Amino acid sequence: MRRPLLALLALASSCAAGCGGEPGPPKDPLVEARAADARGDREAVRAHLEAAEALDDERGRVATTWRLQVALTGGDVPAALARLRRIVERFQGRGEDARGRTYDARLLAEVVVRAAAEGARERVEGPAPHAEHARRLLTAGREALALGGDDDEEGRALLDRAGAWVALGDGPMAPRLADAGIPAGKGPLVDVVADPFEMGEPVLPSVLRRWARSLSVVLAGRPTGEVRVGIRRVKATPEEERAVMAEAARRAGVRFAGVLAEEAPLALGLADAGAAVLVIGPDDRLAGRVAGRSLDPRALDDLVARLSGR
């Protein structure tokens, strides 16, 4: 009697959704995605959104926008680009998020473009650059620019500058640095571009001082028309700015190459603000780089140690 009872229980379990009667209504994948999101089940959210995204109705619009946002949060620019393209081609260029807020394709494209430019920069920085990945991100950013109407001049400038930053690793550094006004030197060496505020931060000058004990380090000032007083930026003349930068170089024990022309940092692909550290090998090729505000270049410690023979 036990085996028939177990079989009956198994049959009852398998028919919980309705067996021997009319099937229940199909589940709405977007509703299921919202429920999964509420309970924090990311894998279920992904699966349900994938199903909803295939729909050509409002559920598909919401799911596609939602997945674009998820892709950007995870730094997956190509995936975000694919969703942007679908919004343009299938949903009349209008996205809608899970809370009912609508976004036109131009705004969504701007976000993708900026993520592409930022991501491309990040991929070539640090001790293990990935130039090809960076170039793919730049290509995705340009495609997003076109999908958004191609009139985002600020986004275009960001991509162009990121492209110049990526391209620094493509050939000899001496001509590029000389064009920017940084005296060329025989590698290995470290070239630094920073303004007075950055050289007043605690980490950057101390790392440069340590590196300068075993490797040539050159500081080029970035003009801002300001100097640092405590934690404030104060207006300054070019002469005052140069004097402050020369003193910062002296305290760090590095060679001062003067203050660059205003356009020189942008020609190198530097962002609008912050410092940059370029480590150049004995073959005059860029071996490693980092850039940003309140810059901490210690990610390049091992590289500098290898080049200095330590």
Protein backbone atom coordinates (compact mmCIF):
# COMPACT_ATOMS: atom_id res chain seq x y z
CA MET A 1 0.00 0.00 0.00
CA ARG A 2 2.97 2.33 0.63
CA ARG A 3 4.15 2.54 -3.01
CA PRO A 4 0.74 3.56 -4.50
CA LEU A 5 0.40 6.21 -1.75
CA LEU A 6 3.81 7.71 -2.58
CA ALA A 7 2.91 7.73 -6.29
CA LEU A 8 -0.35 9.52 -5.49
CA LEU A 9 1.47 12.16 -3.43
CA ALA A 10 3.97 12.73 -6.25
CA LEU A 11 1.14 13.15 -8.74
CA ALA A 12 -0.60 15.65 -6.45
CA SER A 13 2.64 17.62 -6.13
CA SER A 14 3.21 17.74 -9.89
CA CYS A 15 -0.35 18.95 -10.48
CA ALA A 16 -0.26 21.79 -7.93
CA ALA A 17 -0.58 24.35 -10.76
CA GLY A 18 -3.71 22.62 -12.07
CA CYS A 19 -3.86 19.08 -13.48
CA GLY A 20 -6.85 17.62 -15.18
CA GLY A 21 -8.44 21.08 -15.49
CA GLU A 22 -7.95 24.34 -17.30
CA PRO A 23 -4.35 25.64 -17.20
CA GLY A 24 -3.78 28.80 -15.17
CA PRO A 25 -2.99 32.10 -16.85
CA PRO A 26 0.64 32.48 -18.03
CA LYS A 27 2.87 34.33 -15.62
CA ASP A 28 3.91 37.85 -16.55
CA PRO A 29 7.75 37.87 -16.64
CA LEU A 30 7.90 41.55 -15.70
CA VAL A 31 5.71 40.98 -12.65
CA GLU A 32 7.93 38.05 -11.74
CA ALA A 33 11.03 40.23 -12.17
CA ARG A 34 9.61 42.84 -9.81
CA ALA A 35 8.83 40.18 -7.23
CA ALA A 36 12.31 38.69 -7.54
CA ASP A 37 13.82 42.15 -7.18
CA ALA A 38 11.83 42.75 -4.00
CA ARG A 39 13.26 39.60 -2.42
CA GLY A 40 16.77 40.33 -3.66
CA ASP A 41 17.06 37.36 -6.03
CA ARG A 42 19.30 38.81 -8.73
CA GLU A 43 19.57 35.65 -10.78
CA ALA A 44 15.78 35.33 -10.96
CA VAL A 45 15.52 39.02 -11.88
CA ARG A 46 17.94 38.44 -14.75
CA ALA A 47 16.03 35.41 -16.04
CA HIS A 48 12.62 37.09 -15.88
CA LEU A 49 13.89 40.32 -17.48
CA GLU A 50 15.42 38.31 -20.31
CA ALA A 51 12.00 36.81 -21.00
CA ALA A 52 10.22 40.17 -20.71
CA GLU A 53 12.75 41.91 -22.93
CA ALA A 54 11.78 39.69 -25.85
CA LEU A 55 8.25 41.13 -25.78
CA ASP A 56 7.41 43.98 -28.15
CA ASP A 57 4.93 45.67 -25.82
CA GLU A 58 5.32 48.02 -22.85
CA ARG A 59 6.72 45.18 -20.76
CA GLY A 60 9.52 44.82 -23.27
CA ARG A 61 10.21 48.55 -23.12
CA VAL A 62 10.50 48.48 -19.33
CA ALA A 63 12.58 45.29 -19.28
CA THR A 64 14.96 46.63 -21.93
CA THR A 65 15.46 49.90 -20.03
CA TRP A 66 15.90 48.02 -16.77
CA ARG A 67 18.57 45.78 -18.30
CA LEU A 68 20.34 48.83 -19.76
CA GLN A 69 20.54 50.28 -16.25
CA VAL A 70 21.78 46.99 -14.81
CA ALA A 71 24.44 46.76 -17.52
CA LEU A 72 25.71 50.26 -16.77
CA THR A 73 25.80 49.56 -13.04
CA GLY A 74 27.99 46.55 -13.77
CA GLY A 75 30.22 48.45 -16.19
CA ASP A 76 29.08 46.39 -19.19
CA VAL A 77 28.98 49.10 -21.84
CA PRO A 78 28.48 46.76 -24.85
CA ALA A 79 25.41 45.23 -23.17
CA ALA A 80 24.05 48.70 -22.42
CA LEU A 81 24.63 49.69 -26.05
CA ALA A 82 22.63 46.66 -27.25
CA ARG A 83 19.66 47.76 -25.09
CA LEU A 84 19.96 51.34 -26.27
CA ARG A 85 19.84 50.14 -29.87
CA ARG A 86 16.71 48.07 -29.14
CA ILE A 87 15.01 51.08 -27.51
CA VAL A 88 15.73 53.14 -30.62
CA GLU A 89 14.72 50.48 -33.13
CA ARG A 90 11.77 48.80 -31.38
CA PHE A 91 10.43 51.33 -28.89
CA GLN A 92 10.49 54.61 -30.82
CA GLY A 93 13.49 55.91 -28.92
CA ARG A 94 11.74 56.03 -25.55
CA GLY A 95 12.74 53.97 -22.53
CA GLU A 96 10.87 53.44 -19.29
CA ASP A 97 12.32 52.18 -16.03
CA ALA A 98 10.76 49.91 -13.40
CA ARG A 99 9.28 52.93 -11.57
CA GLY A 100 7.55 54.29 -14.63
CA ARG A 101 10.00 57.09 -15.35
CA THR A 102 10.57 57.68 -19.06
CA TYR A 103 13.83 58.58 -20.81
CA ASP A 104 14.40 59.48 -24.43
CA ALA A 105 17.18 57.82 -26.38
CA ARG A 106 19.29 60.98 -26.38
CA LEU A 107 19.55 61.00 -22.59
CA LEU A 108 20.21 57.27 -22.40
CA ALA A 109 22.89 57.62 -25.09
CA GLU A 110 24.62 60.37 -23.09
CA VAL A 111 24.92 58.04 -20.11
CA VAL A 112 26.30 55.20 -22.25
CA VAL A 113 28.81 57.55 -23.94
CA ARG A 114 30.15 58.75 -20.60
CA ALA A 115 30.41 55.23 -19.25
CA ALA A 116 32.33 54.22 -22.38
CA ALA A 117 34.80 57.11 -22.07
CA GLU A 118 35.37 56.48 -18.37
CA GLY A 119 35.69 52.74 -18.87
CA ALA A 120 38.21 53.15 -21.70
CA ARG A 121 40.40 55.29 -19.46
CA GLU A 122 40.26 52.78 -16.65
CA ARG A 123 41.20 49.85 -18.90
CA VAL A 124 44.57 51.35 -19.84
CA GLU A 125 45.53 52.49 -16.35
CA GLY A 126 47.39 50.54 -13.69
CA PRO A 127 50.08 47.88 -14.04
CA ALA A 128 48.09 45.63 -16.42
CA PRO A 129 46.51 47.74 -19.19
CA HIS A 130 44.01 46.28 -21.67
CA ALA A 131 44.24 48.56 -24.71
CA GLU A 132 42.09 46.40 -27.00
CA HIS A 133 39.26 46.34 -24.47
CA ALA A 134 39.58 50.11 -24.15
CA ARG A 135 39.29 50.53 -27.92
CA ARG A 136 36.17 48.36 -27.98
CA LEU A 137 34.62 50.61 -25.35
CA LEU A 138 35.46 53.70 -27.40
CA THR A 139 33.80 52.11 -30.44
CA ALA A 140 30.70 51.35 -28.36
CA GLY A 141 30.68 54.93 -27.12
CA ARG A 142 30.76 56.29 -30.66
CA GLU A 143 27.91 54.00 -31.68
CA ALA A 144 25.90 55.24 -28.70
CA LEU A 145 26.67 58.82 -29.72
CA ALA A 146 25.20 58.13 -33.17
CA LEU A 147 22.11 56.44 -31.70
CA GLY A 148 21.50 59.47 -29.53
CA GLY A 149 21.44 61.81 -32.52
CA ASP A 150 25.15 62.59 -32.76
CA ASP A 151 24.72 66.12 -31.33
CA ASP A 152 26.20 65.49 -27.88
CA GLU A 153 29.27 67.71 -28.29
CA GLU A 154 30.37 67.25 -24.70
CA GLY A 155 30.16 63.47 -25.05
CA ARG A 156 32.10 63.61 -28.29
CA ALA A 157 34.85 65.62 -26.58
CA LEU A 158 34.99 63.09 -23.74
CA LEU A 159 35.40 60.24 -26.21
CA ASP A 160 38.05 62.09 -28.19
CA ARG A 161 40.03 62.85 -25.06
CA ALA A 162 39.69 59.29 -23.81
CA GLY A 163 40.86 58.13 -27.24
CA ALA A 164 43.97 60.32 -26.96
CA TRP A 165 44.64 58.90 -23.49
CA VAL A 166 44.35 55.34 -24.79
CA ALA A 167 46.54 56.14 -27.83
CA LEU A 168 49.44 57.31 -25.63
CA GLY A 169 50.49 53.69 -25.40
CA ASP A 170 50.70 53.21 -29.18
CA GLY A 171 54.18 54.56 -29.88
CA PRO A 172 57.31 56.33 -28.61
CA MET A 173 56.62 58.82 -25.84
CA ALA A 174 59.39 61.36 -26.38
CA PRO A 175 57.76 63.12 -29.39
CA ARG A 176 54.37 63.28 -27.68
CA LEU A 177 55.80 64.67 -24.47
CA ALA A 178 57.95 67.16 -26.35
CA ASP A 179 54.87 68.39 -28.23
CA ALA A 180 53.16 68.93 -24.87
CA GLY A 181 56.13 70.86 -23.53
CA ILE A 182 57.55 68.15 -21.28
CA PRO A 183 61.31 67.73 -21.84
CA ALA A 184 62.07 64.30 -23.23
CA GLY A 185 64.44 62.15 -21.24
CA LYS A 186 65.95 58.74 -21.69
CA GLY A 187 63.94 56.07 -19.88
CA PRO A 188 63.23 54.54 -17.59
CA LEU A 189 61.69 57.56 -15.93
CA VAL A 190 58.45 58.88 -14.46
CA ASP A 191 56.67 61.93 -15.89
CA VAL A 192 54.06 63.58 -13.71
CA VAL A 193 51.49 66.21 -14.65
CA ALA A 194 49.84 67.84 -11.65
CA ASP A 195 48.53 71.17 -10.40
CA PRO A 196 49.38 72.83 -7.07
CA PHE A 197 46.30 71.40 -5.39
CA GLU A 198 47.20 67.81 -6.30
CA MET A 199 50.79 68.32 -5.13
CA GLY A 200 49.40 69.44 -1.79
CA GLU A 201 47.66 66.09 -1.26
CA PRO A 202 49.35 63.71 1.19
CA VAL A 203 49.92 60.61 -0.97
CA LEU A 204 51.18 61.73 -4.38
CA PRO A 205 54.22 63.79 -3.25
CA SER A 206 55.33 61.13 -0.76
CA VAL A 207 55.24 58.36 -3.40
CA LEU A 208 57.15 60.53 -5.90
CA ARG A 209 59.77 61.29 -3.25
CA ARG A 210 60.28 57.57 -2.66
CA TRP A 211 60.46 56.75 -6.37
CA ALA A 212 62.93 59.58 -7.01
CA ARG A 213 65.53 57.79 -4.87
CA SER A 214 66.01 55.19 -7.59
CA LEU A 215 64.46 56.60 -10.78
CA SER A 216 64.32 59.93 -12.57
CA VAL A 217 61.04 61.71 -11.82
CA VAL A 218 59.97 64.86 -13.68
CA LEU A 219 57.07 67.11 -12.63
CA ALA A 220 55.25 69.32 -15.15
CA GLY A 221 52.81 71.81 -13.69
CA ARG A 222 49.24 71.89 -14.90
CA PRO A 223 47.98 75.47 -15.14
CA THR A 224 44.77 76.29 -13.28
CA GLY A 225 45.25 79.93 -12.25
CA GLU A 226 45.02 78.82 -8.62
CA VAL A 227 47.22 77.66 -5.76
CA ARG A 228 46.41 75.65 -2.68
CA VAL A 229 46.05 77.29 0.71
CA GLY A 230 45.10 74.66 3.28
CA ILE A 231 42.21 72.86 1.64
CA ARG A 232 41.09 75.87 -0.41
CA ARG A 233 41.88 76.95 -3.95
CA VAL A 234 43.00 80.57 -4.15
CA LYS A 235 43.39 82.66 -7.33
CA ALA A 236 47.02 83.17 -8.33
CA THR A 237 49.10 84.78 -11.06
CA PRO A 238 51.10 82.55 -13.43
CA GLU A 239 54.28 83.58 -11.59
CA GLU A 240 52.80 82.63 -8.22
CA GLU A 241 51.54 79.33 -9.58
CA ARG A 242 54.94 78.50 -11.06
CA ALA A 243 56.71 79.35 -7.79
CA VAL A 244 54.37 77.09 -5.81
CA MET A 245 54.88 74.22 -8.26
CA ALA A 246 58.66 74.65 -8.20
CA GLU A 247 58.62 74.50 -4.42
CA ALA A 248 56.38 71.39 -4.49
CA ALA A 249 58.88 69.71 -6.82
CA ARG A 250 61.78 70.67 -4.54
CA ARG A 251 60.04 69.24 -1.47
CA ALA A 252 59.28 66.00 -3.34
CA GLY A 253 62.86 65.74 -4.56
CA VAL A 254 61.89 65.64 -8.25
CA ARG A 255 62.91 67.71 -11.26
CA PHE A 256 60.60 70.60 -12.20
CA ALA A 257 59.97 70.97 -15.94
CA GLY A 258 57.92 74.16 -15.68
CA VAL A 259 54.22 74.85 -16.16
CA LEU A 260 52.61 73.52 -19.32
CA ALA A 261 50.57 75.47 -21.80
CA GLU A 262 46.87 75.36 -20.98
CA GLU A 263 45.98 73.04 -23.90
CA ALA A 264 48.87 70.60 -23.39
CA PRO A 265 47.23 68.31 -20.78
CA LEU A 266 44.14 67.94 -22.97
CA ALA A 267 46.29 67.08 -25.98
CA LEU A 268 47.73 64.20 -23.96
CA GLY A 269 44.20 63.01 -23.24
CA LEU A 270 44.15 64.00 -19.58
CA ALA A 271 40.79 64.62 -17.97
CA ASP A 272 39.70 68.14 -17.05
CA ALA A 273 41.18 67.94 -13.56
CA GLY A 274 43.46 65.82 -11.43
CA ALA A 275 46.99 64.50 -11.86
CA ALA A 276 48.59 61.91 -14.14
CA VAL A 277 51.63 59.69 -13.64
CA LEU A 278 53.31 58.19 -16.70
CA VAL A 279 55.94 55.49 -16.23
CA ILE A 280 58.15 55.22 -19.32
CA GLY A 281 60.36 52.22 -20.00
CA PRO A 282 63.89 52.11 -21.43
CA ASP A 283 62.39 51.60 -24.92
CA ASP A 284 60.60 54.98 -24.67
CA ARG A 285 57.23 53.22 -24.54
CA LEU A 286 54.58 53.81 -21.93
CA ALA A 287 54.90 51.01 -19.38
CA GLY A 288 52.15 52.07 -16.99
CA ARG A 289 49.97 55.02 -16.03
CA VAL A 290 47.42 56.23 -13.52
CA ALA A 291 45.37 59.42 -13.40
CA GLY A 292 42.67 61.08 -11.35
CA ARG A 293 41.89 63.43 -8.49
CA SER A 294 43.68 62.98 -5.15
CA LEU A 295 45.83 60.52 -7.05
CA ASP A 296 47.39 57.52 -5.34
CA PRO A 297 49.99 56.06 -7.76
CA ARG A 298 51.05 53.14 -5.57
CA ALA A 299 49.44 50.68 -8.00
CA LEU A 300 52.61 51.26 -10.06
CA ASP A 301 55.04 50.52 -7.21
CA ASP A 302 56.08 47.09 -8.51
CA LEU A 303 56.54 48.41 -12.05
CA VAL A 304 58.75 51.26 -10.86
CA ALA A 305 60.76 48.85 -8.70
CA ARG A 306 61.37 46.57 -11.70
CA LEU A 307 62.45 49.42 -13.94
CA SER A 308 64.81 50.78 -11.31
CA GLY A 309 66.38 47.36 -10.80
CA ARG A 310 65.33 47.11 -7.17
